[in-house]
C-alpha atoms as a PDB file:
ATOM      1  CA  MET A   1      -0.165   0.159   0.091  1.00  0.00           C
ATOM      2  CA  ILE A   2       2.676   2.358   1.075  1.00  0.00           C
ATOM      3  CA  SER A   3       4.458   0.963  -2.088  1.00  0.00           C
ATOM      4  CA  LYS A   4       1.692   2.300  -4.475  1.00  0.00           C
ATOM      5  CA  LEU A   5       0.979   5.638  -2.636  1.00  0.00           C
ATOM      6  CA  ARG A   6       4.395   6.692  -3.260  1.00  0.00           C
ATOM      7  CA  SER A   7       4.210   5.948  -6.910  1.00  0.00           C
ATOM      8  CA  LEU A   8       1.017   7.913  -7.022  1.00  0.00           C
ATOM      9  CA  LEU A   9       2.995  10.728  -5.110  1.00  0.00           C
ATOM     10  CA  ILE A  10       6.028  10.919  -7.830  1.00  0.00           C
ATOM     11  CA  LEU A  11       3.430  10.494 -10.603  1.00  0.00           C
ATOM     12  CA  LEU A  12       1.037  13.056  -9.257  1.00  0.00           C
ATOM     13  CA  MET A  13       4.484  15.033  -8.983  1.00  0.00           C
ATOM     14  CA  ALA A  14       5.605  14.467 -12.887  1.00  0.00           C
ATOM     15  CA  PHE A  15       2.240  15.869 -13.884  1.00  0.00           C
ATOM     16  CA  ALA A  16       2.555  18.972 -11.482  1.00  0.00           C
ATOM     17  CA  VAL A  17       6.434  20.119 -12.391  1.00  0.00           C
ATOM     18  CA  PHE A  18       5.701  18.792 -16.393  1.00  0.00           C
ATOM     19  CA  PRO A  19       1.975  20.078 -16.543  1.00  0.00           C
ATOM     20  CA  CYS A  20       1.779  19.518 -20.298  1.00  0.00           C
ATOM     21  CA  GLN A  21       3.809  19.206 -23.460  1.00  0.00           C
ATOM     22  CA  SER A  22       4.134  22.741 -23.901  1.00  0.00           C
ATOM     23  CA  GLN A  23       7.523  23.525 -22.128  1.00  0.00           C
ATOM     24  CA  ALA A  24       9.034  20.087 -23.533  1.00  0.00           C
ATOM     25  CA  LEU A  25       7.490  21.639 -27.506  1.00  0.00           C
ATOM     26  CA  GLU A  26       9.013  24.908 -26.495  1.00  0.00           C
ATOM     27  CA  LEU A  27      12.257  23.348 -25.823  1.00  0.00           C
ATOM     28  CA  ALA A  28      12.249  21.816 -28.972  1.00  0.00           C
ATOM     29  CA  ARG A  29      11.439  25.140 -31.451  1.00  0.00           C
ATOM     30  CA  ASN A  30      14.291  26.534 -29.678  1.00  0.00           C
ATOM     31  CA  LEU A  31      16.689  23.986 -29.663  1.00  0.00           C
ATOM     32  CA  PRO A  32      16.525  23.015 -33.267  1.00  0.00           C
ATOM     33  CA  THR A  33      18.967  20.862 -35.646  1.00  0.00           C
ATOM     34  CA  SER A  34      21.554  23.582 -34.298  1.00  0.00           C
ATOM     35  CA  ALA A  35      21.515  21.952 -30.776  1.00  0.00           C
ATOM     36  CA  ARG A  36      21.982  18.724 -32.634  1.00  0.00           C
ATOM     37  CA  ASP A  37      25.345  19.883 -34.335  1.00  0.00           C
ATOM     38  CA  MET A  38      26.396  21.477 -30.788  1.00  0.00           C
ATOM     39  CA  GLU A  39      25.828  18.184 -29.369  1.00  0.00           C
ATOM     40  CA  TYR A  40      28.364  16.555 -31.675  1.00  0.00           C
ATOM     41  CA  TYR A  41      30.945  19.213 -31.374  1.00  0.00           C
ATOM     42  CA  TYR A  42      30.749  18.553 -27.067  1.00  0.00           C
ATOM     43  CA  GLN A  43      30.757  14.875 -27.760  1.00  0.00           C
ATOM     44  CA  HIS A  44      33.978  14.404 -30.429  1.00  0.00           C
ATOM     45  CA  LYS A  45      35.498  17.856 -30.286  1.00  0.00           C
ATOM     46  CA  HIS A  46      36.436  19.040 -33.587  1.00  0.00           C
ATOM     47  CA  PRO A  47      37.430  22.388 -33.622  1.00  0.00           C
ATOM     48  CA  GLU A  48      37.322  22.099 -37.466  1.00  0.00           C
ATOM     49  CA  SER A  49      34.513  21.614 -38.063  1.00  0.00           C
ATOM     50  CA  LEU A  50      33.416  24.846 -35.971  1.00  0.00           C
ATOM     51  CA  PRO A  51      33.243  27.389 -39.499  1.00  0.00           C
ATOM     52  CA  GLY A  52      31.222  25.134 -41.784  1.00  0.00           C
ATOM     53  CA  MET A  53      28.832  24.819 -38.835  1.00  0.00           C
ATOM     54  CA  LEU A  54      28.481  27.963 -38.244  1.00  0.00           C
ATOM     55  CA  LYS A  55      28.079  29.093 -41.937  1.00  0.00           C
ATOM     56  CA  ALA A  56      25.755  26.457 -41.962  1.00  0.00           C
ATOM     57  CA  PHE A  57      23.907  28.153 -39.206  1.00  0.00           C
ATOM     58  CA  ASP A  58      23.919  31.291 -41.021  1.00  0.00           C
ATOM     59  CA  LYS A  59      22.647  30.274 -44.769  1.00  0.00           C
ATOM     60  CA  SER A  60      19.737  28.644 -42.819  1.00  0.00           C
ATOM     61  CA  LYS A  61      19.115  32.095 -41.098  1.00  0.00           C
ATOM     62  CA  ARG A  62      19.111  30.786 -37.922  1.00  0.00           C
ATOM     63  CA  PHE A  63      20.864  33.760 -36.513  1.00  0.00           C
ATOM     64  CA  ALA A  64      17.774  35.892 -37.597  1.00  0.00           C
ATOM     65  CA  ARG A  65      16.448  34.843 -34.691  1.00  0.00           C
ATOM     66  CA  GLY A  66      17.807  36.616 -31.303  1.00  0.00           C
ATOM     67  CA  GLU A  67      17.370  33.708 -28.461  1.00  0.00           C
ATOM     68  CA  LEU A  68      19.283  31.435 -31.387  1.00  0.00           C
ATOM     69  CA  ARG A  69      21.843  34.116 -31.487  1.00  0.00           C
ATOM     70  CA  LEU A  70      22.264  34.117 -28.015  1.00  0.00           C
ATOM     71  CA  ILE A  71      21.998  30.336 -27.955  1.00  0.00           C
ATOM     72  CA  THR A  72      25.061  30.035 -29.964  1.00  0.00           C
ATOM     73  CA  ALA A  73      27.117  33.045 -28.745  1.00  0.00           C
ATOM     74  CA  ALA A  74      27.043  30.851 -25.289  1.00  0.00           C
ATOM     75  CA  PHE A  75      28.214  27.860 -26.712  1.00  0.00           C
ATOM     76  CA  LEU A  76      31.227  29.789 -28.793  1.00  0.00           C
ATOM     77  CA  ALA A  77      32.247  31.898 -25.409  1.00  0.00           C
ATOM     78  CA  GLU A  78      33.051  28.681 -23.882  1.00  0.00           C
ATOM     79  CA  ILE A  79      35.090  27.545 -26.842  1.00  0.00           C
ATOM     80  CA  ILE A  80      36.926  31.303 -26.505  1.00  0.00           C
ATOM     81  CA  LYS A  81      37.825  30.518 -23.235  1.00  0.00           C
ATOM     82  CA  GLN A  82      39.719  27.352 -23.940  1.00  0.00           C
ATOM     83  CA  GLN A  83      40.836  28.495 -26.804  1.00  0.00           C
ATOM     84  CA  PRO A  84      41.462  32.143 -27.015  1.00  0.00           C
ATOM     85  CA  GLU A  85      43.963  31.895 -29.509  1.00  0.00           C
ATOM     86  CA  LEU A  86      40.666  31.157 -32.095  1.00  0.00           C
ATOM     87  CA  GLY A  87      39.438  34.513 -31.755  1.00  0.00           C
ATOM     88  CA  GLY A  88      41.306  35.923 -34.549  1.00  0.00           C
ATOM     89  CA  LYS A  89      40.079  33.472 -36.897  1.00  0.00           C
ATOM     90  CA  PHE A  90      36.467  33.534 -35.996  1.00  0.00           C
ATOM     91  CA  LEU A  91      36.841  37.436 -36.785  1.00  0.00           C
ATOM     92  CA  ASP A  92      38.103  36.609 -40.070  1.00  0.00           C
ATOM     93  CA  LEU A  93      34.716  34.246 -40.764  1.00  0.00           C
ATOM     94  CA  ALA A  94      32.449  36.689 -39.418  1.00  0.00           C
ATOM     95  CA  LYS A  95      33.299  39.138 -42.057  1.00  0.00           C
ATOM     96  CA  ASP A  96      31.943  37.333 -44.677  1.00  0.00           C
ATOM     97  CA  MET A  97      28.624  36.265 -42.266  1.00  0.00           C
ATOM     98  CA  SER A  98      25.655  38.264 -42.282  1.00  0.00           C
ATOM     99  CA  PRO A  99      24.672  41.242 -40.067  1.00  0.00           C
ATOM    100  CA  GLU A 100      23.070  38.714 -37.625  1.00  0.00           C
ATOM    101  CA  ALA A 101      25.690  36.409 -37.503  1.00  0.00           C
ATOM    102  CA  GLN A 102      28.092  38.902 -36.893  1.00  0.00           C
ATOM    103  CA  ARG A 103      26.189  40.140 -34.270  1.00  0.00           C
ATOM    104  CA  MET A 104      25.991  36.481 -32.430  1.00  0.00           C
ATOM    105  CA  PHE A 105      29.881  36.695 -32.674  1.00  0.00           C
ATOM    106  CA  ILE A 106      30.378  39.895 -30.675  1.00  0.00           C
ATOM    107  CA  TRP A 107      27.762  38.387 -28.169  1.00  0.00           C
ATOM    108  CA  ALA A 108      30.135  35.412 -27.626  1.00  0.00           C
ATOM    109  CA  ALA A 109      33.527  38.040 -27.342  1.00  0.00           C
ATOM    110  CA  HIS A 110      31.447  39.655 -24.748  1.00  0.00           C
ATOM    111  CA  LEU A 111      30.091  36.408 -23.188  1.00  0.00           C
ATOM    112  CA  SER A 112      33.666  34.945 -22.972  1.00  0.00           C
ATOM    113  CA  GLY A 113      35.310  38.125 -21.114  1.00  0.00           C
ATOM    114  CA  ARG A 114      38.181  37.983 -23.108  1.00  0.00           C
ATOM    115  CA  GLU A 115      39.483  41.193 -24.019  1.00  0.00           C
ATOM    116  CA  ASN A 116      41.386  40.899 -26.849  1.00  0.00           C
ATOM    117  CA  VAL A 117      38.021  38.959 -28.638  1.00  0.00           C
ATOM    118  CA  LYS A 118      36.227  41.696 -27.708  1.00  0.00           C
ATOM    119  CA  GLN A 119      38.653  44.237 -29.439  1.00  0.00           C
ATOM    120  CA  ALA A 120      38.827  42.562 -32.315  1.00  0.00           C
ATOM    121  CA  MET A 121      35.241  41.669 -33.051  1.00  0.00           C
ATOM    122  CA  GLN A 122      34.857  45.787 -32.565  1.00  0.00           C
ATOM    123  CA  LYS A 123      36.278  45.777 -35.773  1.00  0.00           C
ATOM    124  CA  LEU A 124      32.779  44.201 -37.447  1.00  0.00           C
ATOM    125  CA  PRO A 125      30.716  47.080 -38.749  1.00  0.00           C
ATOM    126  CA  VAL A 126      27.737  45.807 -36.735  1.00  0.00           C
ATOM    127  CA  SER A 127      29.577  46.803 -33.539  1.00  0.00           C
ATOM    128  CA  GLN A 128      28.919  50.329 -34.037  1.00  0.00           C
ATOM    129  CA  GLU A 129      25.174  49.613 -34.207  1.00  0.00           C
ATOM    130  CA  LYS A 130      23.600  51.507 -30.702  1.00  0.00           C
ATOM    131  CA  ALA A 131      20.774  48.873 -29.631  1.00  0.00           C
ATOM    132  CA  LEU A 132      23.635  46.295 -29.918  1.00  0.00           C
ATOM    133  CA  GLN A 133      25.863  48.655 -27.520  1.00  0.00           C
ATOM    134  CA  LEU A 134      22.937  49.502 -25.147  1.00  0.00           C
ATOM    135  CA  GLN A 135      22.179  45.505 -25.132  1.00  0.00           C
ATOM    136  CA  LEU A 136      25.805  44.531 -23.912  1.00  0.00           C
ATOM    137  CA  THR A 137      25.913  47.613 -21.559  1.00  0.00           C
ATOM    138  CA  HIS A 138      23.243  45.871 -19.715  1.00  0.00           C
ATOM    139  CA  SER A 139      24.705  42.539 -20.019  1.00  0.00           C
ATOM    140  CA  PRO A 140      26.387  40.910 -17.500  1.00  0.00           C
ATOM    141  CA  ALA A 141      29.495  38.652 -18.577  1.00  0.00           C
ATOM    142  CA  PRO A 142      29.949  35.902 -18.049  1.00  0.00           C
ATOM    143  CA  LEU A 143      27.078  33.627 -18.509  1.00  0.00           C
ATOM    144  CA  GLU A 144      27.217  32.056 -14.966  1.00  0.00           C
ATOM    145  CA  ARG A 145      26.198  35.645 -13.937  1.00  0.00           C
ATOM    146  CA  TRP A 146      22.888  35.752 -15.546  1.00  0.00           C
ATOM    147  CA  ASP A 147      19.659  35.108 -13.707  1.00  0.00           C
ATOM    148  CA  ILE A 148      18.854  31.167 -14.484  1.00  0.00           C
ATOM    149  CA  TYR A 149      15.416  31.401 -13.210  1.00  0.00           C
ATOM    150  CA  SER A 150      14.293  34.372 -15.112  1.00  0.00           C
ATOM    151  CA  GLY A 151      13.360  32.520 -18.245  1.00  0.00           C
ATOM    152  CA  SER A 152      13.533  30.096 -20.725  1.00  0.00           C
ATOM    153  CA  ALA A 153      16.302  32.021 -22.921  1.00  0.00           C
ATOM    154  CA  VAL A 154      18.873  31.684 -20.166  1.00  0.00           C
ATOM    155  CA  VAL A 155      18.312  28.223 -19.481  1.00  0.00           C
ATOM    156  CA  HIS A 156      18.787  27.811 -23.240  1.00  0.00           C
ATOM    157  CA  MET A 157      21.857  30.136 -23.162  1.00  0.00           C
ATOM    158  CA  TYR A 158      23.231  27.196 -20.536  1.00  0.00           C
ATOM    159  CA  TRP A 159      22.643  24.800 -22.728  1.00  0.00           C
ATOM    160  CA  GLY A 160      24.734  25.946 -25.461  1.00  0.00           C
ATOM    161  CA  ALA A 161      27.347  26.951 -23.339  1.00  0.00           C
ATOM    162  CA  PHE A 162      27.293  23.057 -21.776  1.00  0.00           C
ATOM    163  CA  PHE A 163      27.514  21.856 -25.485  1.00  0.00           C
ATOM    164  CA  ALA A 164      30.997  23.618 -26.054  1.00  0.00           C
ATOM    165  CA  ASN A 165      32.687  21.316 -23.716  1.00  0.00           C
ATOM    166  CA  ALA A 166      30.138  19.359 -21.530  1.00  0.00           C
ATOM    167  CA  SER A 167      31.038  21.473 -18.225  1.00  0.00           C
ATOM    168  CA  PHE A 168      29.474  20.578 -14.885  1.00  0.00           C
ATOM    169  CA  ARG A 169      29.706  23.965 -13.924  1.00  0.00           C
ATOM    170  CA  TYR A 170      26.535  24.691 -16.070  1.00  0.00           C
ATOM    171  CA  LEU A 171      24.781  21.373 -15.657  1.00  0.00           C
ATOM    172  CA  ASP A 172      24.794  21.801 -12.048  1.00  0.00           C
ATOM    173  CA  SER A 173      23.649  25.166 -11.722  1.00  0.00           C
ATOM    174  CA  MET A 174      20.992  23.557 -13.843  1.00  0.00           C
ATOM    175  CA  ILE A 175      20.191  20.665 -11.577  1.00  0.00           C
ATOM    176  CA  ASP A 176      20.511  23.225  -8.331  1.00  0.00           C
ATOM    177  CA  ALA A 177      17.576  24.816  -9.749  1.00  0.00           C
ATOM    178  CA  VAL A 178      15.448  21.816 -10.386  1.00  0.00           C
ATOM    179  CA  LEU A 179      16.475  20.774  -6.641  1.00  0.00           C
ATOM    180  CA  LEU A 180      15.562  24.482  -5.169  1.00  0.00           C
ATOM    181  CA  HIS A 181      12.048  23.895  -7.235  1.00  0.00           C
ATOM    182  CA  ALA A 182      11.245  20.705  -5.411  1.00  0.00           C
ATOM    183  CA  ARG A 183      12.196  22.556  -2.391  1.00  0.00           C
ATOM    184  CA  LEU A 184       9.731  25.667  -2.945  1.00  0.00           C
ATOM    185  CA  ARG A 185       6.840  22.869  -4.035  1.00  0.00           C
ATOM    186  CA  SER A 186       7.218  20.755  -1.017  1.00  0.00           C
ATOM    187  CA  GLN A 187       6.911  23.884   1.086  1.00  0.00           C
ATOM    188  CA  GLY A 188       4.507  25.306  -0.584  1.00  0.00           C
ATOM    189  CA  LEU A 189       6.055  28.191  -1.930  1.00  0.00           C
ATOM    190  CA  VAL A 190       4.403  28.770  -5.619  1.00  0.00           C
ATOM    191  CA  GLN A 191       4.507  32.219  -5.052  1.00  0.00           C
ATOM    192  CA  ASP A 192       8.031  32.429  -4.669  1.00  0.00           C
ATOM    193  CA  PRO A 193       9.527  34.703  -7.900  1.00  0.00           C
ATOM    194  CA  ARG A 194      12.197  31.857  -8.807  1.00  0.00           C
ATOM    195  CA  TYR A 195       9.638  28.922  -8.717  1.00  0.00           C
ATOM    196  CA  LYS A 196       8.505  29.418 -12.474  1.00  0.00           C
ATOM    197  CA  GLY A 197      11.936  29.501 -13.841  1.00  0.00           C
ATOM    198  CA  ALA A 198      13.196  26.409 -11.718  1.00  0.00           C
ATOM    199  CA  MET A 199      10.490  24.639 -13.625  1.00  0.00           C
ATOM    200  CA  GLU A 200      11.180  25.833 -17.267  1.00  0.00           C
ATOM    201  CA  VAL A 201      15.217  24.429 -15.943  1.00  0.00           C
ATOM    202  CA  ALA A 202      12.925  21.141 -14.667  1.00  0.00           C
ATOM    203  CA  ALA A 203      11.143  21.066 -17.998  1.00  0.00           C
ATOM    204  CA  SER A 204      14.539  21.295 -19.840  1.00  0.00           C
ATOM    205  CA  LEU A 205      16.390  18.824 -17.647  1.00  0.00           C
ATOM    206  CA  TYR A 206      12.985  15.954 -18.361  1.00  0.00           C
ATOM    207  CA  GLU A 207      13.704  16.701 -22.376  1.00  0.00           C
ATOM    208  CA  MET A 208      17.247  16.957 -22.483  1.00  0.00           C
ATOM    209  CA  THR A 209      18.354  13.884 -20.589  1.00  0.00           C
ATOM    210  CA  PRO A 210      17.362  11.078 -22.234  1.00  0.00           C
ATOM    211  CA  ARG A 211      19.515  12.212 -24.929  1.00  0.00           C
ATOM    212  CA  HIS A 212      22.563  12.706 -23.088  1.00  0.00           C
ATOM    213  CA  PRO A 213      24.205   9.863 -21.184  1.00  0.00           C
ATOM    214  CA  ILE A 214      26.326  12.832 -19.681  1.00  0.00           C
ATOM    215  CA  VAL A 215      23.546  14.189 -17.927  1.00  0.00           C
ATOM    216  CA  ARG A 216      21.769  11.051 -16.888  1.00  0.00           C
ATOM    217  CA  GLN A 217      25.544   9.980 -14.953  1.00  0.00           C
ATOM    218  CA  ARG A 218      25.194  13.266 -13.474  1.00  0.00           C
ATOM    219  CA  LEU A 219      21.751  13.181 -12.257  1.00  0.00           C
ATOM    220  CA  GLU A 220      22.226   9.546 -11.135  1.00  0.00           C
ATOM    221  CA  GLN A 221      25.273  10.773  -8.962  1.00  0.00           C
ATOM    222  CA  ARG A 222      23.725  13.833  -7.394  1.00  0.00           C
ATOM    223  CA  SER A 223      20.479  12.038  -7.022  1.00  0.00           C
ATOM    224  CA  ARG A 224      22.588   9.554  -4.462  1.00  0.00           C
ATOM    225  CA  SER A 225      23.464  12.110  -1.970  1.00  0.00           C
ATOM    226  CA  LEU A 226      19.475  13.347  -1.755  1.00  0.00           C
ATOM    227  CA  SER A 227      16.450  12.443   0.210  1.00  0.00           C
ATOM    228  CA  GLY A 228      12.731  13.308  -0.169  1.00  0.00           C
ATOM    229  CA  PRO A 229      11.354  15.836  -2.708  1.00  0.00           C
ATOM    230  CA  GLU A 230      14.912  16.442  -4.056  1.00  0.00           C
ATOM    231  CA  ARG A 231      15.467  13.097  -4.834  1.00  0.00           C
ATOM    232  CA  ASP A 232      12.210  12.204  -6.038  1.00  0.00           C
ATOM    233  CA  ILE A 233      12.291  14.663  -8.379  1.00  0.00           C
ATOM    234  CA  LEU A 234      15.432  14.055 -10.678  1.00  0.00           C
ATOM    235  CA  GLN A 235      14.241  10.344 -10.098  1.00  0.00           C
ATOM    236  CA  ILE A 236      11.140  11.634 -11.881  1.00  0.00           C
ATOM    237  CA  ILE A 237      13.680  13.121 -14.752  1.00  0.00           C
ATOM    238  CA  LEU A 238      15.627  10.049 -14.943  1.00  0.00           C
ATOM    239  CA  LYS A 239      12.960   7.385 -15.448  1.00  0.00           C
ATOM    240  CA  HIS A 240      12.004   9.912 -18.639  1.00  0.00           C
END
């Protein structure tokens, strides 16, 4: 009987955390084919594939969408952090790409925090756009300073950064947000301003975990030290 009640509770929690398919569909719309290409990069680490991948994104006009620009910028920022010597190559590549792609490169340089790369990207014509400069001025760097609870766009940027090198730094931040959601829900604190954003993070992990063994392994590792609602919510994600 206790086992049945526990199963029912977990099932109810699953519907509470993931009330419908809309969140998964939203993730699918905002992390389309480009996400699969970025996933390939972290799994195989072929820097020589980057120019072709970015040109393909540009040709299909993905950078015309602001959110996809930011996802890719977060991805490239992590690569620049690890290999700042690529800044010059990215500048040469950007010169022959669309204005939307050039804005993405400038965002990547900004998020990387590498001053030499940021200065290099100032040579691009779009760098002088007042709207772009205003956005950059009011946007923190690095990405870890962005509020993960503020909406799906930031969550997707965390995934973009993760795709660069499978860093637990971003994955653990997302898992921590899911655990916060479990605590807030168990305490009835659904009016907490972080609640909705944490639920969006949970929905994204629910959608992405089946596709990423390294994510599954990290969730399993984290869940072993947890109990109660926190462990339950990770088990829901793992059983998906």
